[in-house]
Amino acid sequence: MIESILDSVKKSLGLSADYDAFDHDIVMHVNSAFSTLHQLGVGPAEGFEITGADEEWASFLGSDPVLNSVKTFVYLDVRMLFDPPSTSYMISAMEKRIDEAKWRINVYRESKTYAPLKERLPIDGGIP
């Protein structure tokens, strides 16, 4: 299993780890997915971002294997932004899968400890 977040997303997109022409774009989209997950209450309280291939899934997910669905969500979210399918049927199917993944991740998170946004984000820079 590839532990690097960037390398695993690139592999899922059909790109080799050593091909770096699109790394900037993929990193930007991965960080966007992490922002969405943060709003769902998943991940480190201070937020999370990657800058390259050094950051690993364990840094974001910890040791909870149930959160492995986060990897699929990140891939699908990046795929929709970076290389969307060419047919409306596939776009619709991927959007439904993304929505389902967000719902399942949120339900799981709510079954654990819940930290309201006002407790996780700074009031001056975040959502009140």
C-alpha atoms as a PDB file:
ATOM      1  CA  MET A   1       0.000   0.000   0.000  1.00  0.00           C
ATOM      2  CA  ILE A   2       1.313   3.428  -0.916  1.00  0.00           C
ATOM      3  CA  GLU A   3       1.482   5.557   2.226  1.00  0.00           C
ATOM      4  CA  SER A   4       2.222   8.886   0.514  1.00  0.00           C
ATOM      5  CA  ILE A   5      -1.018  10.793   0.025  1.00  0.00           C
ATOM      6  CA  LEU A   6       0.133  12.428  -3.199  1.00  0.00           C
ATOM      7  CA  ASP A   7       1.590   9.233  -4.672  1.00  0.00           C
ATOM      8  CA  SER A   8      -1.505   7.171  -3.880  1.00  0.00           C
ATOM      9  CA  VAL A   9      -3.825   9.756  -5.434  1.00  0.00           C
ATOM     10  CA  LYS A  10      -1.576   9.955  -8.496  1.00  0.00           C
ATOM     11  CA  LYS A  11      -1.636   6.150  -8.830  1.00  0.00           C
ATOM     12  CA  SER A  12      -5.443   6.171  -8.618  1.00  0.00           C
ATOM     13  CA  LEU A  13      -5.475   8.798 -11.376  1.00  0.00           C
ATOM     14  CA  GLY A  14      -3.281   6.554 -13.537  1.00  0.00           C
ATOM     15  CA  LEU A  15      -0.102   8.591 -13.093  1.00  0.00           C
ATOM     16  CA  SER A  16       3.229   7.208 -11.916  1.00  0.00           C
ATOM     17  CA  ALA A  17       4.807   8.600  -8.768  1.00  0.00           C
ATOM     18  CA  ASP A  18       7.815   9.931 -10.674  1.00  0.00           C
ATOM     19  CA  TYR A  19       5.696  11.888 -13.187  1.00  0.00           C
ATOM     20  CA  ASP A  20       5.444  15.324 -11.590  1.00  0.00           C
ATOM     21  CA  ALA A  21       4.003  17.533 -14.352  1.00  0.00           C
ATOM     22  CA  PHE A  22       0.632  17.777 -12.589  1.00  0.00           C
ATOM     23  CA  ASP A  23       1.771  17.630  -8.959  1.00  0.00           C
ATOM     24  CA  HIS A  24       0.883  21.264  -8.265  1.00  0.00           C
ATOM     25  CA  ASP A  25      -2.670  20.781  -9.550  1.00  0.00           C
ATOM     26  CA  ILE A  26      -3.169  17.497  -7.709  1.00  0.00           C
ATOM     27  CA  VAL A  27      -1.811  18.921  -4.431  1.00  0.00           C
ATOM     28  CA  MET A  28      -4.212  21.857  -4.734  1.00  0.00           C
ATOM     29  CA  HIS A  29      -7.193  19.526  -5.278  1.00  0.00           C
ATOM     30  CA  VAL A  30      -6.133  17.159  -2.469  1.00  0.00           C
ATOM     31  CA  ASN A  31      -5.949  20.116  -0.087  1.00  0.00           C
ATOM     32  CA  SER A  32      -9.408  21.188  -1.209  1.00  0.00           C
ATOM     33  CA  ALA A  33     -10.716  17.703  -0.323  1.00  0.00           C
ATOM     34  CA  PHE A  34      -9.016  17.955   3.080  1.00  0.00           C
ATOM     35  CA  SER A  35     -10.748  21.292   3.617  1.00  0.00           C
ATOM     36  CA  THR A  36     -14.101  19.620   2.952  1.00  0.00           C
ATOM     37  CA  LEU A  37     -13.222  16.816   5.367  1.00  0.00           C
ATOM     38  CA  HIS A  38     -12.229  19.357   8.007  1.00  0.00           C
ATOM     39  CA  GLN A  39     -15.652  20.976   7.670  1.00  0.00           C
ATOM     40  CA  LEU A  40     -17.149  17.522   8.231  1.00  0.00           C
ATOM     41  CA  GLY A  41     -15.104  17.262  11.439  1.00  0.00           C
ATOM     42  CA  VAL A  42     -12.559  14.722  10.203  1.00  0.00           C
ATOM     43  CA  GLY A  43      -8.817  15.054  10.570  1.00  0.00           C
ATOM     44  CA  PRO A  44      -6.595  17.133  12.823  1.00  0.00           C
ATOM     45  CA  ALA A  45      -8.389  19.998  14.612  1.00  0.00           C
ATOM     46  CA  GLU A  46      -5.948  22.544  13.168  1.00  0.00           C
ATOM     47  CA  GLY A  47      -6.591  21.336   9.631  1.00  0.00           C
ATOM     48  CA  PHE A  48      -4.311  19.464   7.275  1.00  0.00           C
ATOM     49  CA  GLU A  49      -2.557  20.067   3.979  1.00  0.00           C
ATOM     50  CA  ILE A  50       0.038  18.411   1.844  1.00  0.00           C
ATOM     51  CA  THR A  51       2.888  20.115   0.048  1.00  0.00           C
ATOM     52  CA  GLY A  52       4.315  17.126  -1.810  1.00  0.00           C
ATOM     53  CA  ALA A  53       4.912  13.395  -1.547  1.00  0.00           C
ATOM     54  CA  ASP A  54       6.250  13.457   2.024  1.00  0.00           C
ATOM     55  CA  GLU A  55       2.908  13.579   3.839  1.00  0.00           C
ATOM     56  CA  GLU A  56       1.397  10.184   4.601  1.00  0.00           C
ATOM     57  CA  TRP A  57      -2.142   8.956   5.213  1.00  0.00           C
ATOM     58  CA  ALA A  58      -1.360   8.032   8.832  1.00  0.00           C
ATOM     59  CA  SER A  59      -0.674  11.711   9.550  1.00  0.00           C
ATOM     60  CA  PHE A  60      -4.236  12.537   8.560  1.00  0.00           C
ATOM     61  CA  LEU A  61      -6.159   9.381   9.470  1.00  0.00           C
ATOM     62  CA  GLY A  62      -4.292   8.279  12.569  1.00  0.00           C
ATOM     63  CA  SER A  63      -4.778   4.595  13.260  1.00  0.00           C
ATOM     64  CA  ASP A  64      -8.537   4.318  12.677  1.00  0.00           C
ATOM     65  CA  PRO A  65      -9.047   1.773   9.847  1.00  0.00           C
ATOM     66  CA  VAL A  66     -12.728   2.712   9.497  1.00  0.00           C
ATOM     67  CA  LEU A  67     -11.621   6.059   8.064  1.00  0.00           C
ATOM     68  CA  ASN A  68      -9.998   4.349   5.075  1.00  0.00           C
ATOM     69  CA  SER A  69     -13.042   5.484   3.090  1.00  0.00           C
ATOM     70  CA  VAL A  70     -11.488   8.950   3.338  1.00  0.00           C
ATOM     71  CA  LYS A  71      -8.909   7.801   0.787  1.00  0.00           C
ATOM     72  CA  THR A  72     -11.648   6.973  -1.705  1.00  0.00           C
ATOM     73  CA  PHE A  73     -13.381  10.281  -1.061  1.00  0.00           C
ATOM     74  CA  VAL A  74     -10.149  12.228  -1.644  1.00  0.00           C
ATOM     75  CA  TYR A  75      -9.472  10.333  -4.886  1.00  0.00           C
ATOM     76  CA  LEU A  76     -13.015  10.829  -6.225  1.00  0.00           C
ATOM     77  CA  ASP A  77     -13.040  14.500  -5.282  1.00  0.00           C
ATOM     78  CA  VAL A  78      -9.663  15.074  -6.944  1.00  0.00           C
ATOM     79  CA  ARG A  79     -10.712  13.083 -10.009  1.00  0.00           C
ATOM     80  CA  MET A  80     -13.829  15.208 -10.484  1.00  0.00           C
ATOM     81  CA  LEU A  81     -11.724  18.374 -10.429  1.00  0.00           C
ATOM     82  CA  PHE A  82      -8.601  17.149 -12.205  1.00  0.00           C
ATOM     83  CA  ASP A  83      -9.909  14.682 -14.800  1.00  0.00           C
ATOM     84  CA  PRO A  84     -13.713  14.456 -14.822  1.00  0.00           C
ATOM     85  CA  PRO A  85     -15.403  11.664 -16.763  1.00  0.00           C
ATOM     86  CA  SER A  86     -16.561  12.482 -20.267  1.00  0.00           C
ATOM     87  CA  THR A  87     -20.101  11.136 -19.949  1.00  0.00           C
ATOM     88  CA  SER A  88     -22.891  12.634 -17.891  1.00  0.00           C
ATOM     89  CA  TYR A  89     -23.748   9.155 -16.617  1.00  0.00           C
ATOM     90  CA  MET A  90     -20.283   8.678 -15.118  1.00  0.00           C
ATOM     91  CA  ILE A  91     -20.248  12.202 -13.698  1.00  0.00           C
ATOM     92  CA  SER A  92     -23.582  11.549 -12.020  1.00  0.00           C
ATOM     93  CA  ALA A  93     -22.381   8.197 -10.662  1.00  0.00           C
ATOM     94  CA  MET A  94     -19.206   9.739  -9.237  1.00  0.00           C
ATOM     95  CA  GLU A  95     -21.114  12.655  -7.701  1.00  0.00           C
ATOM     96  CA  LYS A  96     -23.459  10.179  -5.992  1.00  0.00           C
ATOM     97  CA  ARG A  97     -20.486   8.197  -4.689  1.00  0.00           C
ATOM     98  CA  ILE A  98     -18.858  11.378  -3.369  1.00  0.00           C
ATOM     99  CA  ASP A  99     -22.085  12.383  -1.615  1.00  0.00           C
ATOM    100  CA  GLU A 100     -22.450   8.905  -0.130  1.00  0.00           C
ATOM    101  CA  ALA A 101     -18.838   8.914   1.082  1.00  0.00           C
ATOM    102  CA  LYS A 102     -19.324  12.318   2.742  1.00  0.00           C
ATOM    103  CA  TRP A 103     -22.506  11.093   4.399  1.00  0.00           C
ATOM    104  CA  ARG A 104     -20.893   7.882   5.680  1.00  0.00           C
ATOM    105  CA  ILE A 105     -17.792   9.702   6.924  1.00  0.00           C
ATOM    106  CA  ASN A 106     -19.991  12.241   8.699  1.00  0.00           C
ATOM    107  CA  VAL A 107     -22.183   9.547  10.290  1.00  0.00           C
ATOM    108  CA  TYR A 108     -19.090   7.708  11.528  1.00  0.00           C
ATOM    109  CA  ARG A 109     -17.564  10.912  12.888  1.00  0.00           C
ATOM    110  CA  GLU A 110     -20.782  11.770  14.695  1.00  0.00           C
ATOM    111  CA  SER A 111     -20.733   8.360  16.378  1.00  0.00           C
ATOM    112  CA  LYS A 112     -17.361   9.305  17.868  1.00  0.00           C
ATOM    113  CA  THR A 113     -16.494  12.560  19.561  1.00  0.00           C
ATOM    114  CA  TYR A 114     -18.072  15.598  18.064  1.00  0.00           C
ATOM    115  CA  ALA A 115     -16.263  18.920  18.185  1.00  0.00           C
ATOM    116  CA  PRO A 116     -18.418  21.809  16.971  1.00  0.00           C
ATOM    117  CA  LEU A 117     -16.717  24.085  14.464  1.00  0.00           C
ATOM    118  CA  LYS A 118     -16.542  26.959  16.950  1.00  0.00           C
ATOM    119  CA  GLU A 119     -14.364  24.783  19.179  1.00  0.00           C
ATOM    120  CA  ARG A 120     -12.108  23.617  16.366  1.00  0.00           C
ATOM    121  CA  LEU A 121     -11.541  26.813  14.406  1.00  0.00           C
ATOM    122  CA  PRO A 122     -10.191  30.131  15.596  1.00  0.00           C
ATOM    123  CA  ILE A 123     -13.020  32.628  15.887  1.00  0.00           C
ATOM    124  CA  ASP A 124     -11.078  35.400  14.182  1.00  0.00           C
ATOM    125  CA  GLY A 125     -10.141  33.347  11.103  1.00  0.00           C
ATOM    126  CA  GLY A 126     -12.738  30.653  10.884  1.00  0.00           C
ATOM    127  CA  ILE A 127     -16.428  30.100  10.779  1.00  0.00           C
ATOM    128  CA  PRO A 128     -18.022  31.488  13.964  1.00  0.00           C
END
